[in-house]
Amino acid sequence: MRPSVACDGQVSDNPKQFQPLATGSLLQSLLAEFGPSGAAKSRHYPFWHLATDGQGALWDLNGPRELLTRPAGATPNLGELRAHHVQGGFPPPVDEALRKVPGLLEAVAARVLETYFPATLHADIATAVGLDLDRPVAHLASEPDVPTYGLAERRRRDPGFRERVLRAYEYQCSVCGFDLRIGQVSAGLEAAHIQWHHVGGPDIEPNGLALCALHHNLFDLGVFTVEPADHRVIFSQHAMAGDRSQHGELRHHGQRLLAPQQVDMRPAPPFLAWNQTNVFKAPCRTLHADRALRQPR
């Protein structure tokens, strides 16, 4: 008998069994950590809408007919799904393939990561759900080929983007000024997309920031964003810090970014707006009017 999942994430070996899950569910925690603000509150959306993907071949829902036959736009809220004990699960052929085809689960997870998340977050998400994306994929004669991790189709990147962005910011992290070199090579310095590349963000300087590896990861996690008018670094209220970080990372809150060499290379408002809406974990921390701001060079 295949397992089923209740609308709030409870796994059961009995499709008729329903047990409410505490609000601190794994799915809710993952969405809160890796998704934008509010994602955890809408976790029932994929549970409901996945049933219409792949012409209904990927996900089965079990519940009252009057609820399941609602039109596509009339999504039930989480309370309705719980009240009617709606459950969902993979159809038997899909469930069996994910369990028995070596590497298939990892390949599917890799495709999801490639499509919806920047590379800076892939390893953290895979670790959080216990997946080894480097697991070898065995090809069985009776099964279709399974794509290996890293070969998912993606938009072609401009190989010159990193160098142009780092040069624009004179090879320094635009947040903290990190500029370590090993010989003539910048170490730990990366070109971050403000609007993620895989969702249409272009490889141009106004959509790029020179960031050290730490601030690149924090930026993609939504820990901070950049205010569009004065290009101030704005940290999320969800970012908690002890004494060390209060004098470390959070000291950058309210400071201006280091400015690029040319005005037309500064972060563009449309890309910053996308980041604030889709990545940043709102609300932001309070800005103090008397906070000394770092002037761009």
C-alpha atoms as a PDB file:
ATOM      1  CA  MET A   1       0.000   0.000   0.000  1.00  0.00           C
ATOM      2  CA  ARG A   2       1.466   3.347  -0.995  1.00  0.00           C
ATOM      3  CA  PRO A   3       1.786   6.117   1.590  1.00  0.00           C
ATOM      4  CA  SER A   4      -0.447   9.172   1.539  1.00  0.00           C
ATOM      5  CA  VAL A   5       0.151  12.705   2.725  1.00  0.00           C
ATOM      6  CA  ALA A   6      -2.362  14.817   4.587  1.00  0.00           C
ATOM      7  CA  CYS A   7      -2.880  18.431   3.530  1.00  0.00           C
ATOM      8  CA  ASP A   8      -0.490  19.661   6.227  1.00  0.00           C
ATOM      9  CA  GLY A   9       2.276  17.196   5.428  1.00  0.00           C
ATOM     10  CA  GLN A  10       1.519  14.173   7.674  1.00  0.00           C
ATOM     11  CA  VAL A  11       2.720  10.946   6.078  1.00  0.00           C
ATOM     12  CA  SER A  12       0.634   7.829   6.611  1.00  0.00           C
ATOM     13  CA  ASP A  13       0.809   4.241   5.362  1.00  0.00           C
ATOM     14  CA  ASN A  14      -2.976   4.124   5.570  1.00  0.00           C
ATOM     15  CA  PRO A  15      -4.670   6.372   2.978  1.00  0.00           C
ATOM     16  CA  LYS A  16      -7.711   6.676   5.251  1.00  0.00           C
ATOM     17  CA  GLN A  17      -5.722   7.763   8.295  1.00  0.00           C
ATOM     18  CA  PHE A  18      -5.446  11.468   9.100  1.00  0.00           C
ATOM     19  CA  GLN A  19      -3.363  12.952  11.855  1.00  0.00           C
ATOM     20  CA  PRO A  20      -2.886  16.722  12.176  1.00  0.00           C
ATOM     21  CA  LEU A  21       0.710  17.828  12.079  1.00  0.00           C
ATOM     22  CA  ALA A  22       2.145  20.510  14.387  1.00  0.00           C
ATOM     23  CA  THR A  23       2.729  23.932  12.869  1.00  0.00           C
ATOM     24  CA  GLY A  24       6.476  23.312  12.932  1.00  0.00           C
ATOM     25  CA  SER A  25       6.278  20.740  10.131  1.00  0.00           C
ATOM     26  CA  LEU A  26       9.307  20.009   7.961  1.00  0.00           C
ATOM     27  CA  LEU A  27       7.636  21.471   4.873  1.00  0.00           C
ATOM     28  CA  GLN A  28       6.658  24.629   6.703  1.00  0.00           C
ATOM     29  CA  SER A  29      10.185  25.000   8.084  1.00  0.00           C
ATOM     30  CA  LEU A  30      11.751  24.490   4.659  1.00  0.00           C
ATOM     31  CA  LEU A  31       9.494  27.083   3.054  1.00  0.00           C
ATOM     32  CA  ALA A  32      10.184  29.541   5.851  1.00  0.00           C
ATOM     33  CA  GLU A  33      13.937  29.085   5.485  1.00  0.00           C
ATOM     34  CA  PHE A  34      14.360  28.909   1.719  1.00  0.00           C
ATOM     35  CA  GLY A  35      11.224  30.596   0.372  1.00  0.00           C
ATOM     36  CA  PRO A  36      10.179  34.258   0.356  1.00  0.00           C
ATOM     37  CA  SER A  37       8.154  35.763   3.167  1.00  0.00           C
ATOM     38  CA  GLY A  38       4.665  34.249   3.318  1.00  0.00           C
ATOM     39  CA  ALA A  39       5.631  31.039   1.494  1.00  0.00           C
ATOM     40  CA  ALA A  40       5.012  28.857   4.550  1.00  0.00           C
ATOM     41  CA  LYS A  41       1.447  30.170   4.813  1.00  0.00           C
ATOM     42  CA  SER A  42       0.660  29.100   1.232  1.00  0.00           C
ATOM     43  CA  ARG A  43       2.165  25.602   1.468  1.00  0.00           C
ATOM     44  CA  HIS A  44      -1.199  24.068   0.543  1.00  0.00           C
ATOM     45  CA  TYR A  45      -1.008  25.586  -2.964  1.00  0.00           C
ATOM     46  CA  PRO A  46       1.383  22.985  -4.439  1.00  0.00           C
ATOM     47  CA  PHE A  47      -0.463  20.236  -2.536  1.00  0.00           C
ATOM     48  CA  TRP A  48      -3.672  21.261  -4.323  1.00  0.00           C
ATOM     49  CA  HIS A  49      -2.457  22.385  -7.753  1.00  0.00           C
ATOM     50  CA  LEU A  50       0.015  19.534  -8.352  1.00  0.00           C
ATOM     51  CA  ALA A  51      -3.031  17.371  -9.125  1.00  0.00           C
ATOM     52  CA  THR A  52      -3.523  19.280 -12.405  1.00  0.00           C
ATOM     53  CA  ASP A  53       0.116  19.023 -13.567  1.00  0.00           C
ATOM     54  CA  GLY A  54       1.113  16.406 -16.108  1.00  0.00           C
ATOM     55  CA  GLN A  55      -2.551  16.031 -17.137  1.00  0.00           C
ATOM     56  CA  GLY A  56      -3.293  14.671 -13.683  1.00  0.00           C
ATOM     57  CA  ALA A  57      -0.742  11.848 -13.863  1.00  0.00           C
ATOM     58  CA  LEU A  58       1.611  13.063 -11.117  1.00  0.00           C
ATOM     59  CA  TRP A  59      -0.499  13.546  -7.994  1.00  0.00           C
ATOM     60  CA  ASP A  60      -3.770  12.106  -6.666  1.00  0.00           C
ATOM     61  CA  LEU A  61      -6.085  13.858  -4.235  1.00  0.00           C
ATOM     62  CA  ASN A  62      -8.534  12.025  -1.991  1.00  0.00           C
ATOM     63  CA  GLY A  63     -11.449  13.914  -0.449  1.00  0.00           C
ATOM     64  CA  PRO A  64     -15.098  14.975  -0.868  1.00  0.00           C
ATOM     65  CA  ARG A  65     -16.164  15.174  -4.513  1.00  0.00           C
ATOM     66  CA  GLU A  66     -17.722  18.621  -4.110  1.00  0.00           C
ATOM     67  CA  LEU A  67     -14.349  19.952  -2.988  1.00  0.00           C
ATOM     68  CA  LEU A  68     -12.175  18.149  -5.534  1.00  0.00           C
ATOM     69  CA  THR A  69     -14.335  19.261  -8.489  1.00  0.00           C
ATOM     70  CA  ARG A  70     -13.935  22.964  -7.778  1.00  0.00           C
ATOM     71  CA  PRO A  71     -12.752  25.066 -10.744  1.00  0.00           C
ATOM     72  CA  ALA A  72      -9.008  25.676 -11.037  1.00  0.00           C
ATOM     73  CA  GLY A  73      -9.133  29.201  -9.615  1.00  0.00           C
ATOM     74  CA  ALA A  74     -11.165  28.304  -6.516  1.00  0.00           C
ATOM     75  CA  THR A  75      -8.332  26.990  -4.343  1.00  0.00           C
ATOM     76  CA  PRO A  76      -9.524  25.805  -0.914  1.00  0.00           C
ATOM     77  CA  ASN A  77      -7.802  27.368   2.059  1.00  0.00           C
ATOM     78  CA  LEU A  78      -5.756  25.302   4.481  1.00  0.00           C
ATOM     79  CA  GLY A  79      -8.623  25.176   6.978  1.00  0.00           C
ATOM     80  CA  GLU A  80     -10.999  23.662   4.415  1.00  0.00           C
ATOM     81  CA  LEU A  81      -8.487  21.022   3.381  1.00  0.00           C
ATOM     82  CA  ARG A  82      -7.915  20.030   6.988  1.00  0.00           C
ATOM     83  CA  ALA A  83     -11.616  20.056   7.857  1.00  0.00           C
ATOM     84  CA  HIS A  84     -12.382  17.672   4.981  1.00  0.00           C
ATOM     85  CA  HIS A  85      -9.345  15.455   5.690  1.00  0.00           C
ATOM     86  CA  VAL A  86      -8.074  15.845   2.123  1.00  0.00           C
ATOM     87  CA  GLN A  87      -5.060  13.650   1.374  1.00  0.00           C
ATOM     88  CA  GLY A  88      -2.694  13.471  -1.554  1.00  0.00           C
ATOM     89  CA  GLY A  89      -0.064  11.120  -2.919  1.00  0.00           C
ATOM     90  CA  PHE A  90       1.786   9.956  -5.996  1.00  0.00           C
ATOM     91  CA  PRO A  91      -0.046   7.450  -8.236  1.00  0.00           C
ATOM     92  CA  PRO A  92       1.344   3.912  -7.744  1.00  0.00           C
ATOM     93  CA  PRO A  93       3.526   3.870 -10.915  1.00  0.00           C
ATOM     94  CA  VAL A  94       5.162   7.205 -10.007  1.00  0.00           C
ATOM     95  CA  ASP A  95       5.613   6.239  -6.368  1.00  0.00           C
ATOM     96  CA  GLU A  96       7.179   2.900  -7.335  1.00  0.00           C
ATOM     97  CA  ALA A  97       9.561   4.535  -9.824  1.00  0.00           C
ATOM     98  CA  LEU A  98      10.753   7.110  -7.281  1.00  0.00           C
ATOM     99  CA  ARG A  99      11.446   4.346  -4.788  1.00  0.00           C
ATOM    100  CA  LYS A 100      13.016   1.746  -7.095  1.00  0.00           C
ATOM    101  CA  VAL A 101      14.755   3.495 -10.004  1.00  0.00           C
ATOM    102  CA  PRO A 102      18.257   4.340  -8.715  1.00  0.00           C
ATOM    103  CA  GLY A 103      18.938   8.063  -8.809  1.00  0.00           C
ATOM    104  CA  LEU A 104      15.498   9.067 -10.113  1.00  0.00           C
ATOM    105  CA  LEU A 105      14.486  10.906  -6.943  1.00  0.00           C
ATOM    106  CA  GLU A 106      17.792  12.803  -6.926  1.00  0.00           C
ATOM    107  CA  ALA A 107      17.429  13.653 -10.615  1.00  0.00           C
ATOM    108  CA  VAL A 108      13.928  15.039 -10.088  1.00  0.00           C
ATOM    109  CA  ALA A 109      15.116  17.053  -7.087  1.00  0.00           C
ATOM    110  CA  ALA A 110      18.044  18.381  -9.106  1.00  0.00           C
ATOM    111  CA  ARG A 111      15.721  19.519 -11.890  1.00  0.00           C
ATOM    112  CA  VAL A 112      13.523  21.351  -9.377  1.00  0.00           C
ATOM    113  CA  LEU A 113      16.561  23.043  -7.847  1.00  0.00           C
ATOM    114  CA  GLU A 114      17.949  24.015 -11.254  1.00  0.00           C
ATOM    115  CA  THR A 115      14.598  25.497 -12.270  1.00  0.00           C
ATOM    116  CA  TYR A 116      13.547  27.367  -9.145  1.00  0.00           C
ATOM    117  CA  PHE A 117      16.589  28.079  -6.950  1.00  0.00           C
ATOM    118  CA  PRO A 118      20.011  29.693  -7.440  1.00  0.00           C
ATOM    119  CA  ALA A 119      23.062  27.450  -7.226  1.00  0.00           C
ATOM    120  CA  THR A 120      24.122  29.023  -3.916  1.00  0.00           C
ATOM    121  CA  LEU A 121      21.194  27.257  -2.189  1.00  0.00           C
ATOM    122  CA  HIS A 122      21.259  23.826  -3.850  1.00  0.00           C
ATOM    123  CA  ALA A 123      23.554  22.073  -1.369  1.00  0.00           C
ATOM    124  CA  ASP A 124      21.798  23.541   1.676  1.00  0.00           C
ATOM    125  CA  ILE A 125      18.344  22.475   0.458  1.00  0.00           C
ATOM    126  CA  ALA A 126      19.526  18.983  -0.496  1.00  0.00           C
ATOM    127  CA  THR A 127      21.135  18.549   2.920  1.00  0.00           C
ATOM    128  CA  ALA A 128      18.003  19.774   4.685  1.00  0.00           C
ATOM    129  CA  VAL A 129      15.889  17.050   3.038  1.00  0.00           C
ATOM    130  CA  GLY A 130      18.546  14.341   3.241  1.00  0.00           C
ATOM    131  CA  LEU A 131      19.330  13.961  -0.468  1.00  0.00           C
ATOM    132  CA  ASP A 132      22.726  13.150  -1.951  1.00  0.00           C
ATOM    133  CA  LEU A 133      22.742  14.848  -5.336  1.00  0.00           C
ATOM    134  CA  ASP A 134      26.091  13.269  -6.205  1.00  0.00           C
ATOM    135  CA  ARG A 135      24.636   9.764  -5.997  1.00  0.00           C
ATOM    136  CA  PRO A 136      25.425   7.819  -9.196  1.00  0.00           C
ATOM    137  CA  VAL A 137      22.459   7.231 -11.489  1.00  0.00           C
ATOM    138  CA  ALA A 138      22.074   3.666 -12.735  1.00  0.00           C
ATOM    139  CA  HIS A 139      20.424   3.242 -16.148  1.00  0.00           C
ATOM    140  CA  LEU A 140      18.130   0.238 -16.317  1.00  0.00           C
ATOM    141  CA  ALA A 141      17.233  -1.401 -19.609  1.00  0.00           C
ATOM    142  CA  SER A 142      13.546  -1.335 -18.691  1.00  0.00           C
ATOM    143  CA  GLU A 143      13.536   2.333 -17.682  1.00  0.00           C
ATOM    144  CA  PRO A 144      13.974   5.600 -19.618  1.00  0.00           C
ATOM    145  CA  ASP A 145      17.251   7.459 -19.194  1.00  0.00           C
ATOM    146  CA  VAL A 146      17.462   9.551 -16.043  1.00  0.00           C
ATOM    147  CA  PRO A 147      19.277  12.897 -16.346  1.00  0.00           C
ATOM    148  CA  THR A 148      22.220  13.317 -13.996  1.00  0.00           C
ATOM    149  CA  TYR A 149      22.540  16.222 -11.623  1.00  0.00           C
ATOM    150  CA  GLY A 150      23.771  19.395 -13.238  1.00  0.00           C
ATOM    151  CA  LEU A 151      22.633  18.534 -16.762  1.00  0.00           C
ATOM    152  CA  ALA A 152      19.166  20.039 -16.489  1.00  0.00           C
ATOM    153  CA  GLU A 153      18.389  22.466 -19.294  1.00  0.00           C
ATOM    154  CA  ARG A 154      19.012  26.065 -18.382  1.00  0.00           C
ATOM    155  CA  ARG A 155      19.372  29.459 -19.981  1.00  0.00           C
ATOM    156  CA  ARG A 156      22.846  29.975 -21.326  1.00  0.00           C
ATOM    157  CA  ARG A 157      24.877  32.254 -19.070  1.00  0.00           C
ATOM    158  CA  ASP A 158      27.107  35.036 -20.331  1.00  0.00           C
ATOM    159  CA  PRO A 159      30.636  33.924 -19.353  1.00  0.00           C
ATOM    160  CA  GLY A 160      31.724  37.559 -19.111  1.00  0.00           C
ATOM    161  CA  PHE A 161      29.092  38.543 -16.535  1.00  0.00           C
ATOM    162  CA  ARG A 162      31.212  37.722 -13.463  1.00  0.00           C
ATOM    163  CA  GLU A 163      34.268  39.611 -14.654  1.00  0.00           C
ATOM    164  CA  ARG A 164      32.257  42.710 -15.663  1.00  0.00           C
ATOM    165  CA  VAL A 165      30.442  42.869 -12.323  1.00  0.00           C
ATOM    166  CA  LEU A 166      33.581  42.350 -10.228  1.00  0.00           C
ATOM    167  CA  ARG A 167      35.413  44.985 -12.266  1.00  0.00           C
ATOM    168  CA  ALA A 168      32.505  47.406 -11.846  1.00  0.00           C
ATOM    169  CA  TYR A 169      32.878  47.140  -8.068  1.00  0.00           C
ATOM    170  CA  GLU A 170      36.696  47.140  -8.277  1.00  0.00           C
ATOM    171  CA  TYR A 171      36.920  43.569  -7.002  1.00  0.00           C
ATOM    172  CA  GLN A 172      35.359  44.279  -3.613  1.00  0.00           C
ATOM    173  CA  CYS A 173      32.245  42.961  -1.896  1.00  0.00           C
ATOM    174  CA  SER A 174      29.705  45.754  -2.279  1.00  0.00           C
ATOM    175  CA  VAL A 175      28.419  45.091   1.261  1.00  0.00           C
ATOM    176  CA  CYS A 176      31.510  44.524   3.423  1.00  0.00           C
ATOM    177  CA  GLY A 177      34.421  45.517   1.184  1.00  0.00           C
ATOM    178  CA  PHE A 178      36.014  42.029   1.241  1.00  0.00           C
ATOM    179  CA  ASP A 179      38.828  42.045  -1.355  1.00  0.00           C
ATOM    180  CA  LEU A 180      41.159  39.129  -0.628  1.00  0.00           C
ATOM    181  CA  ARG A 181      43.403  38.045  -3.478  1.00  0.00           C
ATOM    182  CA  ILE A 182      45.668  35.070  -4.005  1.00  0.00           C
ATOM    183  CA  GLY A 183      48.295  36.484  -6.294  1.00  0.00           C
ATOM    184  CA  GLN A 184      46.262  38.198  -8.996  1.00  0.00           C
ATOM    185  CA  VAL A 185      43.115  36.099  -8.450  1.00  0.00           C
ATOM    186  CA  SER A 186      40.172  37.332  -6.353  1.00  0.00           C
ATOM    187  CA  ALA A 187      39.299  34.745  -3.716  1.00  0.00           C
ATOM    188  CA  GLY A 188      35.773  34.207  -2.397  1.00  0.00           C
ATOM    189  CA  LEU A 189      34.284  37.018  -4.472  1.00  0.00           C
ATOM    190  CA  GLU A 190      31.251  36.304  -6.666  1.00  0.00           C
ATOM    191  CA  ALA A 191      28.892  38.063  -9.061  1.00  0.00           C
ATOM    192  CA  ALA A 192      25.352  37.741  -7.708  1.00  0.00           C
ATOM    193  CA  HIS A 193      22.224  38.199  -9.799  1.00  0.00           C
ATOM    194  CA  ILE A 194      19.700  40.531  -8.147  1.00  0.00           C
ATOM    195  CA  GLN A 195      16.895  38.965 -10.180  1.00  0.00           C
ATOM    196  CA  TRP A 196      17.868  35.312 -10.406  1.00  0.00           C
ATOM    197  CA  HIS A 197      19.228  34.246 -13.771  1.00  0.00           C
ATOM    198  CA  HIS A 198      17.074  31.132 -14.113  1.00  0.00           C
ATOM    199  CA  VAL A 199      13.867  33.208 -13.820  1.00  0.00           C
ATOM    200  CA  GLY A 200      14.819  35.706 -16.491  1.00  0.00           C
ATOM    201  CA  GLY A 201      17.359  37.953 -14.787  1.00  0.00           C
ATOM    202  CA  PRO A 202      19.742  39.273 -17.459  1.00  0.00           C
ATOM    203  CA  ASP A 203      23.538  39.074 -17.328  1.00  0.00           C
ATOM    204  CA  ILE A 204      24.084  42.831 -17.150  1.00  0.00           C
ATOM    205  CA  GLU A 205      25.780  45.012 -14.562  1.00  0.00           C
ATOM    206  CA  PRO A 206      22.565  46.707 -13.265  1.00  0.00           C
ATOM    207  CA  ASN A 207      21.334  43.206 -12.361  1.00  0.00           C
ATOM    208  CA  GLY A 208      24.581  42.262 -10.624  1.00  0.00           C
ATOM    209  CA  LEU A 209      26.308  42.812  -7.307  1.00  0.00           C
ATOM    210  CA  ALA A 210      29.864  41.928  -6.366  1.00  0.00           C
ATOM    211  CA  LEU A 211      29.470  39.954  -3.126  1.00  0.00           C
ATOM    212  CA  CYS A 212      31.726  37.785  -1.022  1.00  0.00           C
ATOM    213  CA  ALA A 213      30.568  34.156  -0.781  1.00  0.00           C
ATOM    214  CA  LEU A 214      28.932  34.787   2.616  1.00  0.00           C
ATOM    215  CA  HIS A 215      26.902  37.797   1.519  1.00  0.00           C
ATOM    216  CA  HIS A 216      25.966  36.095  -1.757  1.00  0.00           C
ATOM    217  CA  ASN A 217      24.464  33.215   0.209  1.00  0.00           C
ATOM    218  CA  LEU A 218      22.674  35.573   2.637  1.00  0.00           C
ATOM    219  CA  PHE A 219      21.345  37.643  -0.281  1.00  0.00           C
ATOM    220  CA  ASP A 220      19.917  34.572  -2.045  1.00  0.00           C
ATOM    221  CA  LEU A 221      18.370  33.393   1.238  1.00  0.00           C
ATOM    222  CA  GLY A 222      16.500  36.689   1.541  1.00  0.00           C
ATOM    223  CA  VAL A 223      18.344  37.729   4.706  1.00  0.00           C
ATOM    224  CA  PHE A 224      18.900  41.191   3.266  1.00  0.00           C
ATOM    225  CA  THR A 225      17.908  43.201   0.242  1.00  0.00           C
ATOM    226  CA  VAL A 226      18.864  46.582  -1.213  1.00  0.00           C
ATOM    227  CA  GLU A 227      16.690  49.694  -0.926  1.00  0.00           C
ATOM    228  CA  PRO A 228      16.200  51.142  -4.455  1.00  0.00           C
ATOM    229  CA  ALA A 229      16.507  54.882  -3.830  1.00  0.00           C
ATOM    230  CA  ASP A 230      19.724  55.186  -1.805  1.00  0.00           C
ATOM    231  CA  HIS A 231      20.975  51.604  -2.291  1.00  0.00           C
ATOM    232  CA  ARG A 232      21.007  50.907   1.422  1.00  0.00           C
ATOM    233  CA  VAL A 233      21.420  47.363   2.736  1.00  0.00           C
ATOM    234  CA  ILE A 234      18.207  46.325   4.517  1.00  0.00           C
ATOM    235  CA  PHE A 235      18.159  43.268   6.786  1.00  0.00           C
ATOM    236  CA  SER A 236      15.099  41.153   7.557  1.00  0.00           C
ATOM    237  CA  GLN A 237      13.493  41.009  10.993  1.00  0.00           C
ATOM    238  CA  HIS A 238      13.836  37.231  10.655  1.00  0.00           C
ATOM    239  CA  ALA A 239      17.630  37.599  10.796  1.00  0.00           C
ATOM    240  CA  MET A 240      18.518  36.970  14.450  1.00  0.00           C
ATOM    241  CA  ALA A 241      22.011  37.578  15.761  1.00  0.00           C
ATOM    242  CA  GLY A 242      24.026  37.210  18.936  1.00  0.00           C
ATOM    243  CA  ASP A 243      26.543  39.750  20.167  1.00  0.00           C
ATOM    244  CA  ARG A 244      29.173  38.717  17.625  1.00  0.00           C
ATOM    245  CA  SER A 245      26.878  39.118  14.626  1.00  0.00           C
ATOM    246  CA  GLN A 246      25.398  42.349  16.001  1.00  0.00           C
ATOM    247  CA  HIS A 247      28.871  43.787  15.555  1.00  0.00           C
ATOM    248  CA  GLY A 248      29.428  41.782  12.363  1.00  0.00           C
ATOM    249  CA  GLU A 249      26.669  41.214   9.812  1.00  0.00           C
ATOM    250  CA  LEU A 250      23.933  43.388  11.289  1.00  0.00           C
ATOM    251  CA  ARG A 251      26.245  46.381  11.487  1.00  0.00           C
ATOM    252  CA  HIS A 252      25.718  46.669   7.726  1.00  0.00           C
ATOM    253  CA  HIS A 253      21.980  47.305   8.173  1.00  0.00           C
ATOM    254  CA  GLY A 254      21.202  50.777   6.839  1.00  0.00           C
ATOM    255  CA  GLN A 255      24.578  51.252   5.179  1.00  0.00           C
ATOM    256  CA  ARG A 256      24.878  52.124   1.526  1.00  0.00           C
ATOM    257  CA  LEU A 257      26.410  49.693  -0.887  1.00  0.00           C
ATOM    258  CA  LEU A 258      29.822  50.481  -2.242  1.00  0.00           C
ATOM    259  CA  ALA A 259      29.039  52.218  -5.520  1.00  0.00           C
ATOM    260  CA  PRO A 260      30.213  50.813  -8.867  1.00  0.00           C
ATOM    261  CA  GLN A 261      32.573  52.790 -11.040  1.00  0.00           C
ATOM    262  CA  GLN A 262      29.839  54.141 -13.320  1.00  0.00           C
ATOM    263  CA  VAL A 263      26.356  55.421 -12.546  1.00  0.00           C
ATOM    264  CA  ASP A 264      24.760  53.253 -15.249  1.00  0.00           C
ATOM    265  CA  MET A 265      26.120  50.150 -13.505  1.00  0.00           C
ATOM    266  CA  ARG A 266      24.197  50.779 -10.274  1.00  0.00           C
ATOM    267  CA  PRO A 267      21.477  48.268  -9.301  1.00  0.00           C
ATOM    268  CA  ALA A 268      18.338  48.951 -11.348  1.00  0.00           C
ATOM    269  CA  PRO A 269      15.013  49.482  -9.515  1.00  0.00           C
ATOM    270  CA  PRO A 270      13.057  46.803 -11.461  1.00  0.00           C
ATOM    271  CA  PHE A 271      15.536  44.099 -10.456  1.00  0.00           C
ATOM    272  CA  LEU A 272      15.619  45.285  -6.837  1.00  0.00           C
ATOM    273  CA  ALA A 273      11.807  45.279  -6.773  1.00  0.00           C
ATOM    274  CA  TRP A 274      11.789  41.678  -8.032  1.00  0.00           C
ATOM    275  CA  ASN A 275      14.224  40.659  -5.317  1.00  0.00           C
ATOM    276  CA  GLN A 276      12.212  42.357  -2.564  1.00  0.00           C
ATOM    277  CA  THR A 277       9.006  40.665  -3.718  1.00  0.00           C
ATOM    278  CA  ASN A 278      10.294  37.185  -4.502  1.00  0.00           C
ATOM    279  CA  VAL A 279      13.341  36.584  -2.298  1.00  0.00           C
ATOM    280  CA  PHE A 280      13.550  38.970   0.653  1.00  0.00           C
ATOM    281  CA  LYS A 281      11.995  37.727   3.883  1.00  0.00           C
ATOM    282  CA  ALA A 282       9.840  40.687   4.887  1.00  0.00           C
ATOM    283  CA  PRO A 283       9.358  42.620   7.069  1.00  0.00           C
ATOM    284  CA  CYS A 284      12.538  44.641   7.223  1.00  0.00           C
ATOM    285  CA  ARG A 285      14.302  45.793  10.358  1.00  0.00           C
ATOM    286  CA  THR A 286      13.766  49.361  11.481  1.00  0.00           C
ATOM    287  CA  LEU A 287      15.988  51.996   9.937  1.00  0.00           C
ATOM    288  CA  HIS A 288      17.243  54.691  12.285  1.00  0.00           C
ATOM    289  CA  ALA A 289      17.338  58.197  10.876  1.00  0.00           C
ATOM    290  CA  ASP A 290      20.546  59.024  12.731  1.00  0.00           C
ATOM    291  CA  ARG A 291      22.374  55.950  11.415  1.00  0.00           C
ATOM    292  CA  ALA A 292      25.642  56.943   9.770  1.00  0.00           C
ATOM    293  CA  LEU A 293      25.530  55.793   6.159  1.00  0.00           C
ATOM    294  CA  ARG A 294      28.597  54.750   4.217  1.00  0.00           C
ATOM    295  CA  GLN A 295      28.993  57.073   1.269  1.00  0.00           C
ATOM    296  CA  PRO A 296      29.628  55.523  -2.129  1.00  0.00           C
ATOM    297  CA  ARG A 297      33.098  56.087  -3.449  1.00  0.00           C
END
